[in-house]
């Protein structure tokens, strides 16, 4: 397994290379994602609840489908600095992607 350190000087370049490499080398991911999207379109919330239970081991029906802003902020604040940096980078990349789509 390859590990990246978000505080390392070359992190962004290494992260971009890793993501690009995975996009090119694993075409099976596209098929898996397409199947998930198709199931969610067909089954709606039931599919989301099932995937959340399977992938995240979290039962939305038992625990609730939403969290409050204070709960979200507390979870973010409790993250280790490297995880918070990775989450911030992911959010930045998502914003940049969608801004480019406009």
Protein backbone atom coordinates (compact mmCIF):
# COMPACT_ATOMS: atom_id res chain seq x y z
CA UNK A 1 0.00 0.00 0.00
CA UNK A 2 1.27 3.46 -0.85
CA UNK A 3 0.90 6.09 1.87
CA UNK A 4 1.00 9.82 1.33
CA UNK A 5 1.73 12.44 3.95
CA UNK A 6 -0.48 15.51 3.50
CA UNK A 7 2.17 17.69 5.15
CA UNK A 8 4.97 16.55 2.80
CA UNK A 9 6.17 19.16 0.29
CA UNK A 10 5.31 17.07 -2.78
CA UNK A 11 1.95 15.83 -1.49
CA UNK A 12 -0.27 17.50 -4.08
CA UNK A 13 1.77 16.24 -7.02
CA UNK A 14 1.98 12.73 -5.54
CA UNK A 15 -1.75 12.72 -4.80
CA UNK A 16 -2.62 13.91 -8.32
CA UNK A 17 -0.36 11.24 -9.83
CA UNK A 18 -1.93 8.56 -7.66
CA UNK A 19 -5.47 9.58 -8.61
CA UNK A 20 -4.61 9.85 -12.32
CA UNK A 21 -2.88 6.47 -12.27
CA UNK A 22 -5.88 4.81 -10.67
CA UNK A 23 -8.26 6.39 -13.17
CA UNK A 24 -6.26 5.02 -16.07
CA UNK A 25 -5.46 1.59 -14.65
CA UNK A 26 -8.73 0.52 -13.10
CA UNK A 27 -11.53 0.62 -15.63
CA UNK A 28 -13.49 -1.76 -13.41
CA UNK A 29 -14.09 1.11 -11.00
CA UNK A 30 -16.18 2.86 -13.65
CA UNK A 31 -18.39 -0.19 -14.03
CA UNK A 32 -18.79 -0.50 -10.26
CA UNK A 33 -19.70 3.16 -9.92
CA UNK A 34 -22.17 2.92 -12.80
CA UNK A 35 -23.85 -0.06 -11.12
CA UNK A 36 -24.11 1.80 -7.82
CA UNK A 37 -25.56 4.90 -9.48
CA UNK A 38 -28.06 2.80 -11.45
CA UNK A 39 -29.19 1.01 -8.29
CA UNK A 40 -29.59 4.28 -6.38
CA UNK A 41 -31.62 5.73 -9.27
CA UNK A 42 -33.83 2.64 -9.29
CA UNK A 43 -34.20 2.04 -5.55
CA UNK A 44 -33.58 5.47 -4.02
CA UNK A 45 -33.11 5.70 -0.27
CA UNK A 46 -33.29 1.93 0.23
CA UNK A 47 -30.13 1.52 -1.88
CA UNK A 48 -28.40 4.38 -0.05
CA UNK A 49 -29.23 2.82 3.30
CA UNK A 50 -27.94 -0.57 2.14
CA UNK A 51 -24.66 0.82 0.77
CA UNK A 52 -24.12 2.88 3.91
CA UNK A 53 -24.69 -0.21 6.06
CA UNK A 54 -22.34 -2.32 3.89
CA UNK A 55 -19.53 0.16 3.23
CA UNK A 56 -19.62 2.34 6.34
CA UNK A 57 -21.12 -0.14 8.82
CA UNK A 58 -23.61 2.54 9.81
CA UNK A 59 -27.36 1.94 10.03
CA UNK A 60 -29.12 5.08 8.81
CA UNK A 61 -32.55 3.74 9.73
CA UNK A 62 -31.50 3.09 13.33
CA UNK A 63 -29.34 6.20 13.80
CA UNK A 64 -31.06 8.76 11.63
CA UNK A 65 -30.51 10.18 8.18
CA UNK A 66 -29.06 13.52 9.19
CA UNK A 67 -26.70 15.11 11.67
CA UNK A 68 -26.85 18.60 13.05
CA UNK A 69 -24.39 21.33 12.13
CA UNK A 70 -22.86 21.19 15.64
CA UNK A 71 -22.39 17.41 15.34
CA UNK A 72 -20.74 17.86 11.95
CA UNK A 73 -18.46 20.61 13.27
CA UNK A 74 -17.52 18.50 16.29
CA UNK A 75 -16.64 15.53 14.08
CA UNK A 76 -14.50 17.76 11.85
CA UNK A 77 -12.76 19.32 14.85
CA UNK A 78 -12.00 15.86 16.27
CA UNK A 79 -10.16 14.71 13.14
CA UNK A 80 -6.43 14.16 13.28
CA UNK A 81 -4.61 16.97 11.45
CA UNK A 82 -3.56 14.72 8.55
CA UNK A 83 -7.12 13.50 8.03
CA UNK A 84 -8.47 17.05 8.20
CA UNK A 85 -5.90 18.14 5.59
CA UNK A 86 -6.92 15.26 3.33
CA UNK A 87 -10.60 16.14 3.73
CA UNK A 88 -9.90 19.81 3.03
CA UNK A 89 -7.94 18.87 -0.09
CA UNK A 90 -10.77 16.63 -1.29
CA UNK A 91 -13.28 19.44 -0.76
CA UNK A 92 -11.02 21.86 -2.62
CA UNK A 93 -10.70 19.44 -5.55
CA UNK A 94 -14.48 18.91 -5.68
CA UNK A 95 -15.11 22.66 -5.69
CA UNK A 96 -12.52 23.17 -8.43
CA UNK A 97 -13.98 20.38 -10.53
CA UNK A 98 -17.50 21.80 -10.32
CA UNK A 99 -16.33 25.36 -10.93
CA UNK A 100 -14.66 24.15 -14.13
CA UNK A 101 -17.96 22.55 -15.23
CA UNK A 102 -19.83 25.88 -15.19
